[in-house]
């Protein structure tokens, strides 16, 4: 079959000859490229990477806490980051301030003597 020969994909992406629904291989390829470009994530800014790095560090630190308290910590971290989810990306000074506060809290709560947040 050449790339211009008419075929239709079934539910598993395999081609079958069905006269009712026809696509060319080039059309299928174009659709796959278009859908891939829609699903790829945009590049993150430096501040966004910093926030994500802090969030991941906090979530990793949760695993160092006692198992019975880990869910409390996980909820706390999500809640604290969620409070500022709607903050505009252009609020650089606010984001930088929150990052400094977040790093201080991370250092404080990483102390092995602190077992639970609630």
N, C-alpha and C. Protein backbone atom coordinates (compact mmCIF):
# COMPACT_ATOMS: atom_id res chain seq x y z
N UNK A 1 0.83 -1.17 0.00
CA UNK A 1 0.00 0.00 0.00
C UNK A 1 0.89 1.24 0.00
N UNK A 2 0.65 2.19 -0.85
CA UNK A 2 1.43 3.42 -0.84
C UNK A 2 0.88 4.36 0.21
N UNK A 3 1.61 5.43 0.50
CA UNK A 3 1.16 6.35 1.54
C UNK A 3 -0.08 7.11 1.13
N UNK A 4 -0.42 7.15 -0.14
CA UNK A 4 -1.61 7.85 -0.59
C UNK A 4 -2.81 6.93 -0.76
N UNK A 5 -2.61 5.63 -0.55
CA UNK A 5 -3.71 4.70 -0.70
C UNK A 5 -4.72 4.92 0.41
N UNK A 6 -5.97 4.78 0.09
CA UNK A 6 -7.04 5.08 1.03
C UNK A 6 -7.23 3.94 2.02
N UNK A 7 -7.35 4.30 3.31
CA UNK A 7 -7.60 3.31 4.35
C UNK A 7 -8.32 4.00 5.50
N UNK A 8 -8.80 3.23 6.44
CA UNK A 8 -9.43 3.78 7.64
C UNK A 8 -8.83 3.10 8.84
N UNK A 9 -8.63 3.84 9.92
CA UNK A 9 -8.11 3.21 11.14
C UNK A 9 -9.24 2.59 11.95
N UNK A 10 -8.97 1.43 12.54
CA UNK A 10 -9.97 0.87 13.46
C UNK A 10 -9.68 1.39 14.86
N UNK A 11 -10.33 0.85 15.87
CA UNK A 11 -10.18 1.37 17.22
C UNK A 11 -8.77 1.21 17.77
N UNK A 12 -7.98 0.34 17.18
CA UNK A 12 -6.61 0.14 17.64
C UNK A 12 -5.59 0.79 16.73
N UNK A 13 -6.05 1.61 15.79
CA UNK A 13 -5.13 2.32 14.93
C UNK A 13 -4.68 1.53 13.71
N UNK A 14 -5.18 0.30 13.56
CA UNK A 14 -4.83 -0.48 12.39
C UNK A 14 -5.72 -0.05 11.23
N UNK A 15 -5.23 -0.23 10.01
CA UNK A 15 -6.01 0.20 8.87
C UNK A 15 -6.88 -0.93 8.34
N UNK A 16 -8.03 -0.56 7.83
CA UNK A 16 -8.92 -1.50 7.17
C UNK A 16 -9.57 -0.75 6.02
N UNK A 17 -9.99 -1.45 5.00
CA UNK A 17 -10.61 -0.80 3.86
C UNK A 17 -12.10 -0.69 4.12
N UNK A 18 -12.55 0.54 4.31
CA UNK A 18 -13.96 0.81 4.56
C UNK A 18 -14.35 2.00 3.69
N UNK A 19 -15.20 1.82 2.73
CA UNK A 19 -15.52 2.91 1.81
C UNK A 19 -16.27 4.06 2.49
N UNK A 20 -16.89 3.84 3.64
CA UNK A 20 -17.66 4.90 4.28
C UNK A 20 -16.79 5.96 4.95
N UNK A 21 -15.67 5.56 5.51
CA UNK A 21 -14.78 6.48 6.22
C UNK A 21 -13.39 6.36 5.63
N UNK A 22 -13.03 7.28 4.77
CA UNK A 22 -11.75 7.16 4.10
C UNK A 22 -10.79 8.25 4.54
N UNK A 23 -9.54 7.86 4.74
CA UNK A 23 -8.45 8.76 5.08
C UNK A 23 -7.25 8.31 4.26
N UNK A 24 -6.38 9.22 3.96
CA UNK A 24 -5.12 8.81 3.35
C UNK A 24 -4.10 8.71 4.47
N UNK A 25 -3.05 7.99 4.23
CA UNK A 25 -2.00 7.88 5.23
C UNK A 25 -1.43 9.25 5.55
N UNK A 26 -1.30 10.10 4.55
CA UNK A 26 -0.75 11.43 4.82
C UNK A 26 -1.70 12.23 5.72
N UNK A 27 -3.01 12.07 5.56
CA UNK A 27 -3.97 12.74 6.44
C UNK A 27 -3.84 12.21 7.86
N UNK A 28 -3.69 10.91 8.00
CA UNK A 28 -3.52 10.33 9.33
C UNK A 28 -2.25 10.85 9.99
N UNK A 29 -1.19 10.95 9.21
CA UNK A 29 0.07 11.45 9.74
C UNK A 29 -0.07 12.91 10.17
N UNK A 30 -0.72 13.72 9.35
CA UNK A 30 -0.93 15.12 9.71
C UNK A 30 -1.76 15.24 10.98
N UNK A 31 -2.80 14.43 11.12
CA UNK A 31 -3.63 14.45 12.32
C UNK A 31 -2.82 14.04 13.55
N UNK A 32 -1.95 13.05 13.40
CA UNK A 32 -1.13 12.59 14.53
C UNK A 32 -0.16 13.69 14.95
N UNK A 33 0.44 14.37 13.99
CA UNK A 33 1.37 15.46 14.31
C UNK A 33 0.62 16.59 14.99
N UNK A 34 -0.56 16.95 14.49
CA UNK A 34 -1.35 18.02 15.08
C UNK A 34 -1.75 17.68 16.50
N UNK A 35 -2.23 16.45 16.74
CA UNK A 35 -2.64 16.09 18.09
C UNK A 35 -1.43 16.01 19.02
N UNK A 36 -0.26 15.62 18.50
CA UNK A 36 0.94 15.59 19.33
C UNK A 36 1.32 17.01 19.74
N UNK A 37 1.24 17.95 18.82
CA UNK A 37 1.62 19.32 19.15
C UNK A 37 0.67 19.92 20.17
N UNK A 38 -0.59 19.49 20.19
CA UNK A 38 -1.54 19.99 21.17
C UNK A 38 -1.28 19.43 22.55
N UNK A 39 -0.73 18.23 22.62
CA UNK A 39 -0.52 17.59 23.91
C UNK A 39 0.84 17.89 24.52
N UNK A 40 1.76 18.44 23.73
CA UNK A 40 3.07 18.76 24.30
C UNK A 40 2.94 19.99 25.18
N UNK A 41 3.73 20.02 26.24
CA UNK A 41 3.63 21.10 27.19
C UNK A 41 4.50 22.28 26.74
N UNK A 42 4.01 23.48 27.00
CA UNK A 42 4.78 24.67 26.68
C UNK A 42 6.00 24.74 27.59
N UNK A 43 7.00 25.48 27.16
CA UNK A 43 8.20 25.65 27.98
C UNK A 43 7.85 26.42 29.23
N UNK A 44 8.48 26.03 30.33
CA UNK A 44 8.25 26.71 31.59
C UNK A 44 9.25 27.83 31.78
N UNK A 45 8.80 28.91 32.42
CA UNK A 45 9.72 30.00 32.73
C UNK A 45 10.61 29.58 33.89
N UNK A 46 11.61 30.38 34.18
CA UNK A 46 12.52 30.08 35.29
C UNK A 46 11.79 30.02 36.62
N UNK A 47 10.87 30.97 36.85
CA UNK A 47 10.12 30.96 38.11
C UNK A 47 9.21 29.74 38.20
N UNK A 48 8.59 29.39 37.09
CA UNK A 48 7.72 28.20 37.10
C UNK A 48 8.52 26.95 37.43
N UNK A 49 9.73 26.85 36.87
CA UNK A 49 10.59 25.70 37.18
C UNK A 49 10.97 25.70 38.65
N UNK A 50 11.24 26.89 39.21
CA UNK A 50 11.59 26.99 40.63
C UNK A 50 10.43 26.52 41.51
N UNK A 51 9.22 26.95 41.18
CA UNK A 51 8.04 26.56 41.96
C UNK A 51 7.84 25.05 41.87
N UNK A 52 7.95 24.51 40.68
CA UNK A 52 7.79 23.07 40.49
C UNK A 52 8.87 22.29 41.24
N UNK A 53 10.08 22.80 41.22
CA UNK A 53 11.18 22.15 41.95
C UNK A 53 10.91 22.14 43.46
N UNK A 54 10.43 23.26 43.99
CA UNK A 54 10.09 23.33 45.41
C UNK A 54 8.96 22.37 45.74
N UNK A 55 7.93 22.34 44.89
CA UNK A 55 6.79 21.44 45.12
C UNK A 55 7.25 19.98 45.16
N UNK A 56 8.07 19.61 44.20
CA UNK A 56 8.57 18.22 44.16
C UNK A 56 9.43 17.91 45.37
N UNK A 57 10.25 18.86 45.79
CA UNK A 57 11.08 18.65 46.99
C UNK A 57 10.19 18.44 48.21
N UNK A 58 9.15 19.24 48.32
CA UNK A 58 8.22 19.10 49.45
C UNK A 58 7.54 17.74 49.43
N UNK A 59 7.12 17.31 48.26
CA UNK A 59 6.45 16.00 48.16
C UNK A 59 7.42 14.86 48.46
N UNK A 60 8.68 15.02 48.09
CA UNK A 60 9.67 14.00 48.42
C UNK A 60 9.91 13.98 49.93
N UNK A 61 9.91 15.16 50.55
CA UNK A 61 10.13 15.24 51.99
C UNK A 61 8.99 14.58 52.76
N UNK A 62 7.80 14.55 52.18
CA UNK A 62 6.65 13.91 52.83
C UNK A 62 6.97 12.44 53.11
N UNK A 63 7.72 11.82 52.20
CA UNK A 63 8.04 10.40 52.36
C UNK A 63 8.99 10.12 53.52
N UNK A 64 9.60 11.16 54.07
CA UNK A 64 10.50 10.97 55.21
C UNK A 64 9.74 11.02 56.54
N UNK A 65 8.48 11.41 56.49
CA UNK A 65 7.66 11.51 57.70
C UNK A 65 7.05 10.15 58.02
N UNK A 66 6.58 9.95 59.26
CA UNK A 66 5.95 8.68 59.61
C UNK A 66 4.77 8.37 58.67
N UNK A 67 4.63 7.12 58.31
CA UNK A 67 3.62 6.69 57.34
C UNK A 67 2.22 7.16 57.74
N UNK A 68 1.91 7.08 59.02
CA UNK A 68 0.55 7.44 59.45
C UNK A 68 0.28 8.95 59.32
N UNK A 69 1.33 9.76 59.16
CA UNK A 69 1.17 11.20 59.04
C UNK A 69 1.41 11.73 57.62
N UNK A 70 1.83 10.88 56.73
CA UNK A 70 2.19 11.33 55.39
C UNK A 70 1.02 11.97 54.65
N UNK A 71 -0.18 11.45 54.83
CA UNK A 71 -1.33 12.03 54.14
C UNK A 71 -1.60 13.44 54.63
N UNK A 72 -1.42 13.70 55.94
CA UNK A 72 -1.57 15.05 56.47
C UNK A 72 -0.59 16.01 55.80
N UNK A 73 0.65 15.58 55.67
CA UNK A 73 1.68 16.40 55.04
C UNK A 73 1.35 16.65 53.57
N UNK A 74 0.95 15.59 52.89
CA UNK A 74 0.63 15.71 51.47
C UNK A 74 -0.50 16.71 51.24
N UNK A 75 -1.54 16.62 52.06
CA UNK A 75 -2.65 17.56 51.95
C UNK A 75 -2.21 18.98 52.26
N UNK A 76 -1.37 19.13 53.26
CA UNK A 76 -0.88 20.46 53.64
C UNK A 76 -0.09 21.10 52.48
N UNK A 77 0.80 20.33 51.87
CA UNK A 77 1.61 20.86 50.77
C UNK A 77 0.71 21.26 49.61
N UNK A 78 -0.22 20.40 49.25
CA UNK A 78 -1.13 20.71 48.15
C UNK A 78 -1.97 21.94 48.46
N UNK A 79 -2.43 22.05 49.69
CA UNK A 79 -3.25 23.20 50.10
C UNK A 79 -2.45 24.49 50.02
N UNK A 80 -1.22 24.47 50.53
CA UNK A 80 -0.39 25.68 50.52
C UNK A 80 -0.07 26.14 49.10
N UNK A 81 0.27 25.21 48.23
CA UNK A 81 0.54 25.59 46.84
C UNK A 81 -0.74 25.99 46.13
N UNK A 82 -1.83 25.34 46.47
CA UNK A 82 -3.12 25.64 45.84
C UNK A 82 -3.65 27.02 46.17
N UNK A 83 -3.27 27.56 47.32
CA UNK A 83 -3.74 28.90 47.72
C UNK A 83 -3.36 29.96 46.69
N UNK A 84 -2.27 29.74 46.00
CA UNK A 84 -1.75 30.75 45.08
C UNK A 84 -1.80 30.30 43.63
N UNK A 85 -2.61 29.31 43.35
CA UNK A 85 -2.70 28.75 42.00
C UNK A 85 -3.14 29.79 40.98
N UNK A 86 -4.02 30.69 41.36
CA UNK A 86 -4.57 31.69 40.43
C UNK A 86 -3.70 32.94 40.33
N UNK A 87 -2.57 32.94 40.98
CA UNK A 87 -1.68 34.10 40.95
C UNK A 87 -1.17 34.32 39.53
N UNK A 88 -1.27 35.55 39.01
CA UNK A 88 -0.80 35.80 37.63
C UNK A 88 0.69 35.50 37.48
N UNK A 89 1.05 34.96 36.33
CA UNK A 89 2.45 34.61 36.05
C UNK A 89 3.36 35.83 36.08
N UNK A 90 2.81 36.99 35.84
CA UNK A 90 3.61 38.22 35.77
C UNK A 90 3.87 38.85 37.13
N UNK A 91 3.34 38.28 38.20
CA UNK A 91 3.55 38.82 39.56
C UNK A 91 4.89 38.33 40.10
N UNK A 92 5.96 38.77 39.48
CA UNK A 92 7.29 38.25 39.79
C UNK A 92 7.70 38.46 41.25
N UNK A 93 7.49 39.65 41.76
CA UNK A 93 7.93 39.92 43.14
C UNK A 93 7.15 39.08 44.14
N UNK A 94 5.86 38.89 43.91
CA UNK A 94 5.04 38.07 44.81
C UNK A 94 5.50 36.61 44.74
N UNK A 95 5.73 36.12 43.54
CA UNK A 95 6.16 34.72 43.36
C UNK A 95 7.53 34.51 44.01
N UNK A 96 8.43 35.46 43.82
CA UNK A 96 9.76 35.34 44.44
C UNK A 96 9.66 35.34 45.96
N UNK A 97 8.78 36.19 46.49
CA UNK A 97 8.56 36.22 47.95
C UNK A 97 8.02 34.87 48.43
N UNK A 98 7.02 34.35 47.73
CA UNK A 98 6.43 33.06 48.13
C UNK A 98 7.45 31.93 48.02
N UNK A 99 8.33 32.00 47.05
CA UNK A 99 9.39 30.99 46.94
C UNK A 99 10.32 31.05 48.15
N UNK A 100 10.70 32.26 48.57
CA UNK A 100 11.56 32.38 49.75
C UNK A 100 10.86 31.83 50.99
N UNK A 101 9.58 32.18 51.16
CA UNK A 101 8.81 31.67 52.30
C UNK A 101 8.71 30.15 52.21
N UNK A 102 8.45 29.64 51.01
CA UNK A 102 8.33 28.20 50.82
C UNK A 102 9.61 27.46 51.14
N UNK A 103 10.74 28.02 50.74
CA UNK A 103 12.04 27.38 51.04
C UNK A 103 12.30 27.37 52.55
N UNK A 104 11.96 28.47 53.22
CA UNK A 104 12.15 28.50 54.68
C UNK A 104 11.27 27.46 55.37
N UNK A 105 10.02 27.36 54.94
CA UNK A 105 9.12 26.35 55.53
C UNK A 105 9.62 24.95 55.23
N UNK A 106 10.10 24.74 54.01
CA UNK A 106 10.62 23.43 53.62
C UNK A 106 11.77 23.03 54.55
N UNK A 107 12.69 23.95 54.78
CA UNK A 107 13.82 23.67 55.67
C UNK A 107 13.34 23.38 57.09
N UNK A 108 12.38 24.17 57.56
CA UNK A 108 11.87 24.00 58.92
C UNK A 108 11.13 22.66 59.06
N UNK A 109 10.27 22.34 58.10
CA UNK A 109 9.47 21.11 58.20
C UNK A 109 10.26 19.86 57.83
N UNK A 110 11.43 20.03 57.22
CA UNK A 110 12.27 18.87 56.90
C UNK A 110 12.95 18.30 58.13
N UNK A 111 12.89 19.03 59.22
CA UNK A 111 13.48 18.58 60.48
C UNK A 111 12.85 17.23 60.87
N UNK A 112 13.65 16.20 61.10
CA UNK A 112 13.11 14.87 61.42
C UNK A 112 12.35 14.85 62.75
N UNK A 113 12.56 15.85 63.61
CA UNK A 113 11.83 15.89 64.89
C UNK A 113 10.37 16.33 64.73
N UNK A 114 10.07 16.96 63.62
CA UNK A 114 8.68 17.36 63.36
C UNK A 114 8.00 16.19 62.66
N UNK A 115 7.04 15.60 63.37
CA UNK A 115 6.40 14.37 62.87
C UNK A 115 5.09 14.61 62.14
N UNK A 116 4.30 15.60 62.61
CA UNK A 116 2.98 15.80 62.01
C UNK A 116 2.70 17.29 61.86
N UNK A 117 1.86 17.63 60.94
CA UNK A 117 1.55 19.01 60.65
C UNK A 117 0.26 19.45 61.33
N UNK A 118 -0.63 18.54 61.64
CA UNK A 118 -1.93 18.91 62.23
C UNK A 118 -1.97 18.63 63.71
